[in-house]
C-alpha atoms as a PDB file:
ATOM      1  CA  MET A   1       0.000   0.000   0.000  1.00  0.00           C
ATOM      2  CA  SER A   2       2.786   2.478   0.783  1.00  0.00           C
ATOM      3  CA  ASN A   3       5.779   3.292  -1.332  1.00  0.00           C
ATOM      4  CA  PRO A   4       8.842   4.682   0.498  1.00  0.00           C
ATOM      5  CA  ASP A   5       9.993   6.413  -2.712  1.00  0.00           C
ATOM      6  CA  ARG A   6       6.855   8.568  -2.960  1.00  0.00           C
ATOM      7  CA  PRO A   7       5.204  10.903  -0.451  1.00  0.00           C
ATOM      8  CA  PHE A   8       1.924   9.956   1.195  1.00  0.00           C
ATOM      9  CA  GLY A   9      -0.954  11.000  -1.035  1.00  0.00           C
ATOM     10  CA  TRP A  10       1.330  11.502  -4.025  1.00  0.00           C
ATOM     11  CA  ARG A  11      -1.489  10.902  -6.507  1.00  0.00           C
ATOM     12  CA  LYS A  12      -4.385  12.792  -4.834  1.00  0.00           C
ATOM     13  CA  ARG A  13      -5.464  13.950  -1.386  1.00  0.00           C
ATOM     14  CA  ILE A  14      -9.159  13.731  -0.575  1.00  0.00           C
ATOM     15  CA  GLY A  15     -10.485  16.046   2.136  1.00  0.00           C
ATOM     16  CA  LEU A  16     -13.323  14.480   4.109  1.00  0.00           C
ATOM     17  CA  LEU A  17     -15.616  16.552   6.285  1.00  0.00           C
ATOM     18  CA  SER A  18     -17.875  14.753   8.730  1.00  0.00           C
ATOM     19  CA  PRO A  19     -20.454  16.472  10.936  1.00  0.00           C
ATOM     20  CA  THR A  20     -19.317  14.428  13.958  1.00  0.00           C
ATOM     21  CA  VAL A  21     -16.831  11.747  14.945  1.00  0.00           C
ATOM     22  CA  ILE A  22     -15.061   9.788  12.204  1.00  0.00           C
ATOM     23  CA  GLU A  23     -15.027   6.124  13.218  1.00  0.00           C
ATOM     24  CA  THR A  24     -15.047   3.800  10.236  1.00  0.00           C
ATOM     25  CA  ALA A  25     -14.571   6.110   7.242  1.00  0.00           C
ATOM     26  CA  ALA A  26     -10.767   5.919   7.291  1.00  0.00           C
ATOM     27  CA  TYR A  27     -10.764   2.128   7.482  1.00  0.00           C
ATOM     28  CA  ASP A  28     -13.224   1.840   4.591  1.00  0.00           C
ATOM     29  CA  PHE A  29     -11.406   4.495   2.559  1.00  0.00           C
ATOM     30  CA  TYR A  30      -8.024   2.787   2.707  1.00  0.00           C
ATOM     31  CA  ARG A  31      -9.541  -0.597   1.905  1.00  0.00           C
ATOM     32  CA  LEU A  32     -10.797   0.841  -1.408  1.00  0.00           C
ATOM     33  CA  ALA A  33      -8.500   3.717  -2.366  1.00  0.00           C
ATOM     34  CA  PRO A  34      -5.870   3.152  -5.031  1.00  0.00           C
ATOM     35  CA  GLU A  35      -2.209   3.487  -4.121  1.00  0.00           C
ATOM     36  CA  GLY A  36      -1.158   7.096  -3.742  1.00  0.00           C
ATOM     37  CA  VAL A  37      -4.595   8.426  -2.793  1.00  0.00           C
ATOM     38  CA  SER A  38      -4.878   9.616   0.797  1.00  0.00           C
ATOM     39  CA  MET A  39      -7.592  11.032   3.005  1.00  0.00           C
ATOM     40  CA  CYS A  40      -7.327  14.074   5.239  1.00  0.00           C
ATOM     41  CA  ALA A  41     -10.369  14.080   7.513  1.00  0.00           C
ATOM     42  CA  THR A  42     -11.827  16.504  10.025  1.00  0.00           C
ATOM     43  CA  THR A  43     -15.153  17.167  11.682  1.00  0.00           C
ATOM     44  CA  SER A  44     -17.284  20.279  11.890  1.00  0.00           C
ATOM     45  CA  ASN A  45     -18.422  19.234  15.390  1.00  0.00           C
ATOM     46  CA  ILE A  46     -22.114  19.620  14.676  1.00  0.00           C
ATOM     47  CA  GLU A  47     -24.244  18.320  17.505  1.00  0.00           C
ATOM     48  CA  HIS A  48     -27.315  20.401  18.292  1.00  0.00           C
ATOM     49  CA  TRP A  49     -29.013  22.578  15.734  1.00  0.00           C
ATOM     50  CA  SER A  50     -32.387  23.758  14.613  1.00  0.00           C
ATOM     51  CA  ARG A  51     -33.883  25.836  11.817  1.00  0.00           C
ATOM     52  CA  GLU A  52     -33.310  28.954  13.865  1.00  0.00           C
ATOM     53  CA  ASN A  53     -29.588  28.396  14.482  1.00  0.00           C
ATOM     54  CA  PHE A  54     -28.698  26.538  11.243  1.00  0.00           C
ATOM     55  CA  GLN A  55     -26.320  29.236   9.972  1.00  0.00           C
ATOM     56  CA  GLN A  56     -24.447  29.543  13.274  1.00  0.00           C
ATOM     57  CA  HIS A  57     -24.384  25.874  14.322  1.00  0.00           C
ATOM     58  CA  VAL A  58     -24.103  24.155  10.921  1.00  0.00           C
ATOM     59  CA  LEU A  59     -22.990  26.343   8.027  1.00  0.00           C
ATOM     60  CA  ASP A  60     -20.410  28.467   9.867  1.00  0.00           C
ATOM     61  CA  PRO A  61     -18.595  25.403  11.296  1.00  0.00           C
ATOM     62  CA  ILE A  62     -18.629  23.781   7.830  1.00  0.00           C
ATOM     63  CA  VAL A  63     -16.988  26.871   6.309  1.00  0.00           C
ATOM     64  CA  THR A  64     -14.326  26.859   9.038  1.00  0.00           C
ATOM     65  CA  ALA A  65     -13.667  23.139   8.532  1.00  0.00           C
ATOM     66  CA  VAL A  66     -13.388  23.290   4.731  1.00  0.00           C
ATOM     67  CA  ARG A  67     -10.977  26.209   4.987  1.00  0.00           C
ATOM     68  CA  TYR A  68      -8.859  24.042   7.269  1.00  0.00           C
ATOM     69  CA  LEU A  69      -8.998  21.132   4.807  1.00  0.00           C
ATOM     70  CA  ALA A  70      -7.955  23.446   1.955  1.00  0.00           C
ATOM     71  CA  SER A  71      -4.984  24.618   4.057  1.00  0.00           C
ATOM     72  CA  ARG A  72      -3.895  20.957   4.231  1.00  0.00           C
ATOM     73  CA  ASN A  73      -3.470  20.943   0.427  1.00  0.00           C
ATOM     74  CA  VAL A  74      -6.256  18.525  -0.412  1.00  0.00           C
ATOM     75  CA  ASP A  75      -7.349  18.189  -4.034  1.00  0.00           C
ATOM     76  CA  TYR A  76     -11.034  17.532  -3.473  1.00  0.00           C
ATOM     77  CA  ILE A  77     -13.526  17.824  -0.602  1.00  0.00           C
ATOM     78  CA  ILE A  78     -16.436  15.548   0.248  1.00  0.00           C
ATOM     79  CA  HIS A  79     -18.994  16.432   2.916  1.00  0.00           C
ATOM     80  CA  THR A  80     -20.424  13.315   4.544  1.00  0.00           C
ATOM     81  CA  GLY A  81     -23.473  12.834   6.692  1.00  0.00           C
ATOM     82  CA  MET A  82     -27.132  12.899   5.797  1.00  0.00           C
ATOM     83  CA  PRO A  83     -29.121  15.048   8.270  1.00  0.00           C
ATOM     84  CA  VAL A  84     -27.489  18.374   7.386  1.00  0.00           C
ATOM     85  CA  VAL A  85     -28.296  17.855   3.704  1.00  0.00           C
ATOM     86  CA  THR A  86     -31.587  15.966   3.768  1.00  0.00           C
ATOM     87  CA  THR A  87     -33.395  18.087   6.370  1.00  0.00           C
ATOM     88  CA  ARG A  88     -32.980  21.155   4.176  1.00  0.00           C
ATOM     89  CA  GLY A  89     -34.801  19.537   1.271  1.00  0.00           C
ATOM     90  CA  LYS A  90     -34.135  18.523  -2.304  1.00  0.00           C
ATOM     91  CA  GLY A  91     -31.365  20.519  -3.913  1.00  0.00           C
ATOM     92  CA  PHE A  92     -29.635  21.636  -0.719  1.00  0.00           C
ATOM     93  CA  GLU A  93     -26.653  19.439  -1.604  1.00  0.00           C
ATOM     94  CA  ASP A  94     -26.100  21.774  -4.588  1.00  0.00           C
ATOM     95  CA  VAL A  95     -26.179  24.835  -2.308  1.00  0.00           C
ATOM     96  CA  LEU A  96     -23.708  23.217   0.099  1.00  0.00           C
ATOM     97  CA  VAL A  97     -21.341  22.108  -2.665  1.00  0.00           C
ATOM     98  CA  LYS A  98     -21.389  25.604  -4.179  1.00  0.00           C
ATOM     99  CA  GLN A  99     -20.576  27.126  -0.784  1.00  0.00           C
ATOM    100  CA  ILE A 100     -17.663  24.698  -0.248  1.00  0.00           C
ATOM    101  CA  GLU A 101     -16.291  25.318  -3.744  1.00  0.00           C
ATOM    102  CA  GLU A 102     -16.587  29.107  -3.440  1.00  0.00           C
ATOM    103  CA  THR A 103     -14.947  29.070  -0.002  1.00  0.00           C
ATOM    104  CA  THR A 104     -12.006  26.853  -0.999  1.00  0.00           C
ATOM    105  CA  GLY A 105     -11.628  27.069  -4.769  1.00  0.00           C
ATOM    106  CA  LEU A 106     -11.621  23.254  -4.806  1.00  0.00           C
ATOM    107  CA  PRO A 107     -14.028  20.791  -6.405  1.00  0.00           C
ATOM    108  CA  ALA A 108     -16.429  19.266  -3.886  1.00  0.00           C
ATOM    109  CA  THR A 109     -19.369  16.940  -3.423  1.00  0.00           C
ATOM    110  CA  THR A 110     -21.538  15.451  -0.695  1.00  0.00           C
ATOM    111  CA  SER A 111     -22.087  11.803   0.148  1.00  0.00           C
ATOM    112  CA  ILE A 112     -25.769  12.307  -0.725  1.00  0.00           C
ATOM    113  CA  ARG A 113     -24.963  13.728  -4.163  1.00  0.00           C
ATOM    114  CA  SER A 114     -22.513  10.888  -4.804  1.00  0.00           C
ATOM    115  CA  ALA A 115     -25.107   8.267  -3.842  1.00  0.00           C
ATOM    116  CA  ILE A 116     -27.744   9.878  -6.080  1.00  0.00           C
ATOM    117  CA  ARG A 117     -25.342   9.961  -9.019  1.00  0.00           C
ATOM    118  CA  ALA A 118     -24.217   6.365  -8.438  1.00  0.00           C
ATOM    119  CA  LEU A 119     -27.811   5.120  -8.388  1.00  0.00           C
ATOM    120  CA  ALA A 120     -28.583   7.068 -11.571  1.00  0.00           C
ATOM    121  CA  HIS A 121     -25.468   5.655 -13.252  1.00  0.00           C
ATOM    122  CA  LEU A 122     -26.628   2.138 -12.372  1.00  0.00           C
ATOM    123  CA  GLY A 123     -30.077   2.891 -13.772  1.00  0.00           C
ATOM    124  CA  VAL A 124     -31.792   2.493 -10.404  1.00  0.00           C
ATOM    125  CA  ARG A 125     -35.177   4.195 -10.336  1.00  0.00           C
ATOM    126  CA  ASN A 126     -36.875   2.708  -7.281  1.00  0.00           C
ATOM    127  CA  VAL A 127     -35.252   2.719  -3.860  1.00  0.00           C
ATOM    128  CA  ALA A 128     -36.956   1.550  -0.691  1.00  0.00           C
ATOM    129  CA  VAL A 129     -35.618   1.942   2.824  1.00  0.00           C
ATOM    130  CA  ALA A 130     -37.279  -0.256   5.411  1.00  0.00           C
ATOM    131  CA  LYS A 131     -36.784   0.320   9.102  1.00  0.00           C
ATOM    132  CA  PRO A 132     -38.862  -1.114  11.942  1.00  0.00           C
ATOM    133  CA  ALA A 133     -40.788   1.434  13.948  1.00  0.00           C
ATOM    134  CA  ALA A 134     -39.391   2.087  17.389  1.00  0.00           C
ATOM    135  CA  THR A 135     -41.687   1.149  20.241  1.00  0.00           C
ATOM    136  CA  ALA A 136     -40.007   3.584  22.608  1.00  0.00           C
ATOM    137  CA  ALA A 137     -38.149   6.854  22.261  1.00  0.00           C
ATOM    138  CA  PRO A 138     -34.717   6.166  20.773  1.00  0.00           C
ATOM    139  CA  ALA A 139     -31.757   6.525  23.095  1.00  0.00           C
ATOM    140  CA  SER A 140     -29.546   7.420  20.133  1.00  0.00           C
ATOM    141  CA  ARG A 141     -29.654   7.528  16.366  1.00  0.00           C
ATOM    142  CA  SER A 142     -28.407   3.934  16.112  1.00  0.00           C
ATOM    143  CA  GLY A 143     -30.327   2.272  18.885  1.00  0.00           C
ATOM    144  CA  ASN A 144     -33.561   2.232  20.789  1.00  0.00           C
ATOM    145  CA  ALA A 145     -34.377   2.595  24.474  1.00  0.00           C
ATOM    146  CA  THR A 146     -33.362  -1.029  25.137  1.00  0.00           C
ATOM    147  CA  GLY A 147     -29.902  -0.442  23.661  1.00  0.00           C
ATOM    148  CA  ARG A 148     -30.549  -2.771  20.708  1.00  0.00           C
ATOM    149  CA  ARG A 149     -29.744  -1.608  17.225  1.00  0.00           C
ATOM    150  CA  ARG A 150     -32.621  -1.317  14.824  1.00  0.00           C
ATOM    151  CA  ALA A 151     -32.297  -3.136  11.510  1.00  0.00           C
ATOM    152  CA  THR A 152     -32.134  -1.148   8.300  1.00  0.00           C
ATOM    153  CA  MET A 153     -32.421  -2.614   4.830  1.00  0.00           C
ATOM    154  CA  VAL A 154     -32.014  -0.717   1.599  1.00  0.00           C
ATOM    155  CA  ALA A 155     -33.257  -2.308  -1.593  1.00  0.00           C
ATOM    156  CA  ALA A 156     -32.782  -0.810  -5.028  1.00  0.00           C
ATOM    157  CA  ALA A 157     -34.028  -2.122  -8.335  1.00  0.00           C
ATOM    158  CA  ARG A 158     -33.392  -1.246 -11.933  1.00  0.00           C
ATOM    159  CA  PRO A 159     -36.366  -0.832 -14.242  1.00  0.00           C
ATOM    160  CA  ASN A 160     -37.794  -4.205 -15.273  1.00  0.00           C
ATOM    161  CA  ALA A 161     -35.730  -5.981 -12.609  1.00  0.00           C
ATOM    162  CA  SER A 162     -37.289  -8.891 -10.801  1.00  0.00           C
ATOM    163  CA  ALA A 163     -37.637  -8.882  -7.036  1.00  0.00           C
ATOM    164  CA  THR A 164     -34.829 -11.429  -6.834  1.00  0.00           C
ATOM    165  CA  GLY A 165     -32.635  -9.129  -8.908  1.00  0.00           C
ATOM    166  CA  ALA A 166     -32.890  -6.253  -6.447  1.00  0.00           C
ATOM    167  CA  HIS A 167     -29.656  -5.282  -4.770  1.00  0.00           C
ATOM    168  CA  GLN A 168     -29.706  -5.227  -0.993  1.00  0.00           C
ATOM    169  CA  ALA A 169     -27.172  -3.300   1.030  1.00  0.00           C
ATOM    170  CA  GLY A 170     -26.751  -1.775   4.428  1.00  0.00           C
ATOM    171  CA  SER A 171     -28.405  -4.581   6.362  1.00  0.00           C
ATOM    172  CA  ARG A 172     -27.605  -4.673  10.046  1.00  0.00           C
ATOM    173  CA  SER A 173     -28.363  -7.252  12.604  1.00  0.00           C
ATOM    174  CA  ALA A 174     -31.304  -6.266  14.772  1.00  0.00           C
ATOM    175  CA  GLU A 175     -29.774  -7.946  17.787  1.00  0.00           C
ATOM    176  CA  LYS A 176     -26.384  -6.258  17.922  1.00  0.00           C
END
């Protein structure tokens, strides 16, 4: 994976911005990245926000974080995390990408935009996300009041695909 004759990230450096802690992204990135491509990751430390404080608690920290990533000489920036993008409605990923690109002068994307484009490239038109309803107030985003993880299944199908031809991803054990 590493080459002592070349500097780390000699081919490209990807800047990754996560709203909160980065646990598994680095592991997954280096499992898939080609030799010479590195990741420089940071968080924007977003925890509590609402419509009223969105600029101060979400957008301002993102601007600060992408400026930092640009100062680390990355070639590209990807914003990860769904709530910031999806709660603002369809098209907000374009607004966010434009803000990142204008702030840094670098090309950028979001994980949501990348997923949408990947599904379109594969010809997927119908996507269903199934998640059991919680019987009690969730203790966290990944679990319920009993501490068990809730199962999530994502199924996507191309036009004219049979039910057995649907791709399934993201399944988690309900009893973790």
